Protein backbone atom coordinates (compact mmCIF):
# COMPACT_ATOMS: atom_id res chain seq x y z
CA MET A 1 0.89 13.98 -24.07
CA SER A 2 -0.99 17.17 -23.32
CA THR A 3 -3.91 17.46 -20.94
CA SER A 4 -6.29 18.25 -23.78
CA THR A 5 -5.24 15.04 -25.57
CA LEU A 6 -5.97 13.04 -22.44
CA ARG A 7 -9.40 14.58 -22.14
CA GLY A 8 -10.29 13.76 -25.74
CA PRO A 9 -10.69 9.95 -25.44
CA VAL A 10 -12.64 10.29 -22.19
CA TRP A 11 -14.99 12.80 -23.81
CA VAL A 12 -15.46 10.43 -26.76
CA ALA A 13 -16.25 7.54 -24.39
CA VAL A 14 -18.86 9.63 -22.59
CA ARG A 15 -20.42 10.68 -25.90
CA GLN A 16 -20.51 7.11 -27.17
CA HIS A 17 -22.29 5.71 -24.15
CA ARG A 18 -24.17 8.74 -22.87
CA ARG A 19 -27.59 7.08 -23.25
CA VAL A 20 -26.56 4.09 -21.17
CA LEU A 21 -24.94 6.35 -18.58
CA TRP A 22 -28.06 8.51 -18.34
CA ALA A 23 -30.29 5.45 -18.07
CA ALA A 24 -28.14 3.84 -15.38
CA THR A 25 -27.95 7.10 -13.44
CA ALA A 26 -31.72 7.53 -13.70
CA LEU A 27 -32.22 4.00 -12.35
CA LEU A 28 -30.01 4.71 -9.34
CA VAL A 29 -31.74 8.04 -8.70
CA LEU A 30 -35.16 6.40 -8.96
CA THR A 31 -34.12 3.66 -6.52
CA ALA A 32 -32.80 6.29 -4.11
CA LEU A 33 -35.95 8.40 -4.31
CA ILE A 34 -38.24 5.44 -3.70
CA LEU A 35 -36.10 4.33 -0.76
CA LEU A 36 -36.19 7.85 0.66
CA TYR A 37 -39.97 7.93 0.30
CA GLN A 38 -40.38 4.56 2.00
CA ARG A 39 -38.05 5.64 4.79
CA TYR A 40 -40.07 8.84 5.30
CA SER A 41 -43.36 6.88 5.24
CA ALA A 42 -42.11 4.34 7.77
CA THR A 43 -40.82 7.09 10.08
CA SER A 44 -44.10 9.01 9.88
CA ALA A 45 -46.13 5.85 10.46
CA ALA A 46 -44.02 4.93 13.49
CA SER A 47 -44.37 8.43 14.94
CA ASP A 48 -48.14 8.45 14.44
CA PHE A 49 -48.48 4.93 15.77
CA ALA A 50 -46.60 5.76 18.96
CA GLY A 51 -49.26 8.31 19.89
CA THR A 52 -52.29 6.07 19.30
CA GLY A 53 -51.85 3.85 22.34
CA CYS A 54 -52.23 0.75 20.15
CA SER A 55 -49.91 -2.23 20.32
CA VAL A 56 -48.77 -4.73 17.71
CA GLN A 57 -48.58 -7.50 20.29
CA VAL A 58 -52.07 -6.96 21.73
CA THR A 59 -54.45 -5.60 19.10
CA THR A 60 -58.02 -4.63 19.90
CA THR A 61 -60.83 -4.23 17.39
CA ASP A 62 -60.51 -0.44 17.38
CA CYS A 63 -56.76 -0.66 16.68
CA GLY A 64 -56.95 -3.15 13.83
CA GLY A 65 -56.71 -0.61 10.99
CA THR A 66 -54.08 1.46 12.79
CA VAL A 67 -51.84 -1.54 13.39
CA ARG A 68 -52.31 -2.73 9.82
CA GLY A 69 -51.28 0.68 8.43
CA PHE A 70 -48.19 0.75 10.64
CA LEU A 71 -47.14 -2.77 9.65
CA ASP A 72 -47.71 -2.06 5.95
CA ALA A 73 -45.39 0.97 6.08
CA GLN A 74 -42.75 -1.06 7.91
CA LEU A 75 -43.06 -3.91 5.41
CA ASP A 76 -42.73 -1.55 2.44
CA LEU A 77 -39.49 -0.15 3.85
CA HIS A 78 -38.24 -3.67 4.58
CA ASN A 79 -39.00 -4.74 1.01
CA TRP A 80 -37.29 -1.74 -0.55
CA LEU A 81 -34.22 -2.29 1.56
CA GLY A 82 -34.18 -5.78 0.08
CA TYR A 83 -34.61 -4.46 -3.46
CA THR A 84 -31.77 -1.99 -2.94
CA GLY A 85 -29.60 -4.81 -1.66
CA VAL A 86 -30.36 -6.74 -4.86
CA VAL A 87 -29.36 -3.71 -6.97
CA LEU A 88 -26.05 -3.42 -5.14
CA PHE A 89 -25.54 -7.18 -5.46
CA VAL A 90 -26.06 -7.43 -9.23
CA LEU A 91 -24.51 -4.06 -10.13
CA PRO A 92 -20.90 -5.37 -10.45
CA GLY A 93 -21.95 -8.00 -12.98
CA VAL A 94 -23.97 -5.50 -14.99
CA VAL A 95 -21.17 -2.92 -15.04
CA GLY A 96 -18.60 -5.58 -15.91
CA ALA A 97 -20.71 -6.91 -18.78
CA PHE A 98 -21.18 -3.37 -20.08
CA VAL A 99 -17.41 -2.77 -20.05
CA ALA A 100 -16.68 -6.14 -21.66
CA GLY A 101 -19.20 -5.68 -24.47
CA PRO A 102 -20.11 -2.14 -25.62
CA VAL A 103 -16.99 -0.46 -24.20
CA ILE A 104 -14.17 -2.89 -25.16
CA GLY A 105 -15.45 -5.87 -27.14
CA ARG A 106 -17.43 -3.89 -29.70
CA GLU A 107 -14.49 -1.57 -30.39
CA LEU A 108 -12.14 -4.49 -31.03
CA GLU A 109 -14.74 -6.43 -33.00
CA SER A 110 -15.50 -3.53 -35.35
CA GLY A 111 -11.95 -2.18 -35.51
CA THR A 112 -12.92 1.38 -34.57
CA TYR A 113 -10.18 1.44 -31.93
CA LYS A 114 -7.66 1.93 -34.73
CA LEU A 115 -8.99 5.44 -35.34
CA ALA A 116 -8.16 6.48 -31.78
CA TRP A 117 -4.68 4.99 -32.01
CA THR A 118 -3.95 7.04 -35.12
CA GLN A 119 -4.73 10.22 -33.16
CA SER A 120 -1.57 10.01 -31.02
CA VAL A 121 -3.39 7.97 -28.37
CA SER A 122 -1.42 4.93 -27.22
CA PRO A 123 -3.22 1.60 -26.59
CA ALA A 124 -2.67 1.97 -22.83
CA ARG A 125 -4.12 5.51 -22.82
CA TRP A 126 -7.01 4.32 -24.94
CA LEU A 127 -7.86 1.56 -22.45
CA MET A 128 -7.47 3.91 -19.49
CA SER A 129 -9.87 6.40 -21.06
CA LYS A 130 -12.37 3.63 -21.74
CA LEU A 131 -12.28 2.47 -18.13
CA ALA A 132 -12.22 5.93 -16.54
CA VAL A 133 -15.91 6.60 -17.19
CA PRO A 134 -17.35 3.36 -15.70
CA VAL A 135 -14.89 3.57 -12.80
CA ALA A 136 -16.00 7.11 -11.93
CA TRP A 137 -19.68 6.23 -12.31
CA THR A 138 -19.31 3.11 -10.16
CA VAL A 139 -17.43 4.85 -7.34
CA VAL A 140 -19.81 7.82 -7.18
CA GLY A 141 -23.04 5.89 -7.73
CA CYS A 142 -22.25 3.02 -5.36
CA THR A 143 -21.00 5.37 -2.64
CA ALA A 144 -24.20 7.42 -2.76
CA LEU A 145 -26.42 4.33 -2.71
CA VAL A 146 -24.48 2.69 0.12
CA VAL A 147 -24.71 5.84 2.26
CA LEU A 148 -28.45 6.00 1.67
CA TYR A 149 -28.86 2.29 2.34
CA ARG A 150 -27.02 2.50 5.67
CA TRP A 151 -28.94 5.60 6.68
CA SER A 152 -32.27 3.98 5.87
CA ARG A 153 -31.43 0.85 7.84
CA PHE A 154 -29.87 2.33 10.95
CA GLN A 155 -31.35 5.81 11.26
CA GLY A 156 -34.95 4.87 10.55
CA PRO A 157 -37.56 3.74 13.05
CA GLU A 158 -37.08 0.50 14.89
CA GLY A 159 -39.11 -1.83 12.72
CA VAL A 160 -40.78 -5.13 13.36
CA TYR A 161 -39.17 -6.73 10.31
CA THR A 162 -35.56 -7.57 11.08
CA VAL A 163 -32.80 -7.15 8.50
CA HIS A 164 -29.70 -8.93 9.79
CA TRP A 165 -26.25 -7.49 9.12
CA TYR A 166 -25.02 -10.83 7.78
CA ASP A 167 -27.76 -11.30 5.17
CA LYS A 168 -26.16 -12.21 1.85
CA LEU A 169 -27.87 -9.39 -0.04
CA GLY A 170 -27.64 -6.79 2.71
CA PHE A 171 -24.08 -7.35 3.96
CA ALA A 172 -22.35 -5.66 1.02
CA GLY A 173 -24.59 -2.60 1.11
CA LEU A 174 -23.49 -1.66 4.62
CA GLY A 175 -19.91 -0.82 3.64
CA PRO A 176 -17.50 -0.19 0.77
CA LEU A 177 -17.80 -3.72 -0.62
CA PRO A 178 -20.10 -2.81 -3.58
CA ILE A 179 -17.47 -0.35 -4.81
CA ALA A 180 -14.77 -3.02 -4.64
CA TYR A 181 -16.92 -5.56 -6.48
CA GLY A 182 -17.82 -2.91 -9.05
CA LEU A 183 -14.13 -2.26 -9.74
CA LEU A 184 -13.56 -6.01 -9.98
CA GLY A 185 -16.39 -6.25 -12.50
CA ILE A 186 -14.81 -3.46 -14.58
CA ALA A 187 -11.39 -5.16 -14.51
CA LEU A 188 -12.87 -8.54 -15.46
CA GLY A 189 -14.88 -6.87 -18.21
CA ALA A 190 -11.79 -5.23 -19.65
CA LEU A 191 -9.83 -8.49 -19.59
CA ALA A 192 -12.68 -10.48 -21.12
CA GLY A 193 -13.21 -7.89 -23.85
CA LEU A 194 -9.52 -7.94 -24.77
CA LEU A 195 -9.31 -11.72 -24.77
CA VAL A 196 -12.62 -12.63 -26.44
CA ARG A 197 -12.95 -9.58 -28.74
CA ARG A 198 -16.61 -10.40 -29.33
CA THR A 199 -19.36 -8.31 -27.77
CA LEU A 200 -21.89 -10.91 -26.64
CA LEU A 201 -19.34 -13.57 -25.70
CA ALA A 202 -17.33 -11.08 -23.67
CA MET A 203 -20.45 -9.90 -21.85
CA SER A 204 -21.50 -13.46 -21.02
CA ALA A 205 -18.02 -14.45 -19.87
CA THR A 206 -17.76 -11.38 -17.63
CA ALA A 207 -21.16 -11.90 -16.04
CA LEU A 208 -20.28 -15.52 -15.27
CA ALA A 209 -16.86 -14.58 -13.91
CA VAL A 210 -18.19 -11.83 -11.65
CA GLY A 211 -21.08 -14.00 -10.45
CA GLY A 212 -18.76 -16.93 -9.78
CA ALA A 213 -16.27 -14.77 -7.89
CA MET A 214 -18.99 -13.25 -5.70
CA LEU A 215 -20.62 -16.63 -5.04
CA ALA A 216 -17.29 -18.20 -4.08
CA MET A 217 -16.44 -15.31 -1.77
CA ILE A 218 -19.83 -15.28 -0.07
CA THR A 219 -20.12 -19.04 0.34
CA TRP A 220 -16.61 -20.28 1.06
CA VAL A 221 -14.42 -17.33 2.01
CA ARG A 222 -16.43 -14.67 3.87
CA PRO A 223 -17.24 -16.74 6.99
CA TYR A 224 -13.53 -17.38 7.59
CA LEU A 225 -12.08 -13.92 6.98
CA TRP A 226 -12.03 -13.27 10.74
CA PRO A 227 -11.51 -15.68 13.65
CA ILE A 228 -14.72 -17.53 14.48
CA GLU A 229 -15.92 -17.51 18.06
CA THR A 230 -17.34 -20.62 19.72
CA ILE A 231 -19.69 -20.88 22.66
CA THR A 232 -20.32 -24.14 24.49
CA GLY A 233 -22.82 -25.25 27.07
CA ASP A 234 -26.46 -24.77 26.24
CA GLY A 235 -25.55 -23.40 22.79
CA ARG A 236 -27.28 -20.08 23.30
CA LEU A 237 -25.78 -17.12 21.46
CA PRO A 238 -24.72 -14.00 23.36
CA GLY A 239 -27.14 -11.85 21.35
CA PRO A 240 -29.89 -12.01 18.73
CA SER A 241 -27.68 -10.37 16.07
CA ALA A 242 -25.03 -13.10 16.02
CA TRP A 243 -24.31 -14.88 12.74
CA THR A 244 -24.52 -18.63 13.38
CA LEU A 245 -22.19 -20.63 11.13
CA GLN A 246 -22.47 -24.08 12.62
CA ASP A 247 -23.87 -25.77 15.70
CA GLY A 248 -24.09 -29.25 17.12
CA VAL A 249 -22.87 -31.32 20.05
CA ILE A 250 -19.53 -32.26 21.57
CA LEU A 251 -19.30 -35.97 22.39
CA ALA A 252 -17.60 -37.39 25.45
CA SER A 253 -14.60 -38.23 23.25
CA GLY A 254 -14.22 -34.58 22.31
CA GLU A 255 -15.47 -35.15 18.77
CA ARG A 256 -17.82 -32.54 17.37
CA MET A 257 -20.94 -33.53 15.48
CA THR A 258 -22.87 -30.85 13.64
CA ARG A 259 -26.64 -30.64 13.45
CA GLU A 260 -26.50 -31.93 9.87
CA GLN A 261 -24.34 -34.91 10.87
CA CYS A 262 -26.72 -35.77 13.66
CA GLY A 263 -29.66 -35.64 11.29
CA ALA A 264 -27.91 -37.89 8.76
CA THR A 265 -27.35 -40.75 11.22
CA ASP A 266 -29.78 -43.42 12.34
CA TRP A 267 -31.56 -41.73 15.23
CA ALA A 268 -31.99 -44.96 17.16
CA SER A 269 -28.24 -45.45 17.41
CA SER A 270 -27.12 -41.87 17.03
CA PRO A 271 -24.77 -40.49 19.69
CA CYS A 272 -26.75 -37.25 19.39
CA ARG A 273 -29.89 -38.85 20.78
CA ASP A 274 -29.20 -38.50 24.47
CA LEU A 275 -27.19 -36.00 26.48
CA LEU A 276 -24.28 -38.21 27.51
CA GLU A 277 -21.93 -37.35 30.30
CA GLY A 278 -19.14 -35.09 29.20
CA ARG A 279 -20.96 -33.79 26.17
CA ALA A 280 -22.09 -30.23 25.55
CA ARG A 281 -23.59 -28.23 22.76
CA PHE A 282 -21.45 -25.87 20.69
CA THR A 283 -22.14 -22.97 18.34
CA ASP A 284 -19.66 -21.37 15.97
CA TYR A 285 -20.65 -17.78 15.24
CA HIS A 286 -19.66 -14.23 14.40
CA PRO A 287 -20.95 -11.53 16.78
CA ALA A 288 -22.16 -8.23 15.35
CA SER A 289 -18.82 -6.66 16.31
CA HIS A 290 -17.19 -8.73 13.55
CA PHE A 291 -19.03 -6.86 10.81
CA TRP A 292 -16.38 -4.27 10.04
CA PRO A 293 -13.42 -6.70 10.20
CA LEU A 294 -15.24 -9.03 7.80
CA GLN A 295 -16.34 -6.17 5.55
CA LEU A 296 -12.89 -4.58 5.34
CA MET A 297 -11.06 -7.87 4.89
CA GLU A 298 -13.29 -8.86 2.00
CA THR A 299 -13.04 -5.38 0.48
CA GLY A 300 -9.24 -5.53 0.62
CA ILE A 301 -9.11 -8.96 -0.99
CA VAL A 302 -11.49 -7.96 -3.78
CA LEU A 303 -9.52 -4.76 -4.47
CA VAL A 304 -6.24 -6.72 -4.68
CA VAL A 305 -7.82 -9.19 -7.11
CA ALA A 306 -9.28 -6.31 -9.14
CA ALA A 307 -5.85 -4.66 -9.35
CA ALA A 308 -4.27 -7.95 -10.47
CA VAL A 309 -6.95 -8.47 -13.15
CA ALA A 310 -6.55 -4.88 -14.37
CA PHE A 311 -2.77 -5.36 -14.59
CA ALA A 312 -3.37 -8.56 -16.59
CA ALA A 313 -5.68 -6.65 -18.95
CA PHE A 314 -3.00 -4.04 -19.70
CA ARG A 315 -0.43 -6.80 -20.20
CA VAL A 316 -2.73 -8.55 -22.68
CA LEU A 317 -3.26 -5.28 -24.53
CA ARG A 318 0.47 -4.60 -24.65
CA ARG A 319 1.34 -8.07 -25.98
CA SER A 320 -1.45 -8.05 -28.55
CA HIS A 321 -0.69 -4.57 -29.88
CA ALA A 322 2.99 -4.03 -29.08
């Protein structure tokens, strides 16, 4: 197949969905511009505030307005970092639903795919051309937004509103994870569209599948992707940025009881009531140095799953239209 023939289906896919692509790109650009503005405002406010001699901890009457303006700028940046984290969090489900419905499901439901297949375009090439556009948009768009998100969080002024690296909404935006989840959403969307062959049902199934996969990974898998560290004694963490997973007490018998287990027992007879001899507190945690191992491990797993789902989609297409 010639190069011009390969370009044809991709060009058709872009033409078909150009309005959605423009709208999605405009949304990302708008989010980026607002985040840039908030970052600039917070930096300017911090610079101006440093030269006033006022303090957030000890505020006099004359400094009330100055402190309030500084805190408002910091809060606005904090909020927009949160909003950007939400965008990166929901983007895989949105992209996957778009692929499942308008890109794949609608074509199969209406039968318009047959026209492409009569133009010397094989089913596999047809599916590849359909997925090429959302894949390129997802990789480029997510990469740009992640770079901006990291820059805004770590290169901005030291704020008074803390955003922890392990926050569920913020964790993904600090590395390549949104790109991996976006590709997973595209693969799940393609598979759902081929299996369901109905626009709305395929979109709903994809959104549920992507959401379920992300929830399962965040809740049950992510904390255990890297060896957990444990500190005993007074239970204090080595730093304020540590991600606490579980804490409690170690009984004289060596048995561990978590804070939740202690709270669920009768306090009058609970072994957690008094500090018995031979017992110490424990805390299971991830230090900040575990961010990249956790991020890269999760990214690798999601990419492997995405590749497996994409392979399954092509197998389904081949069996259905051999």
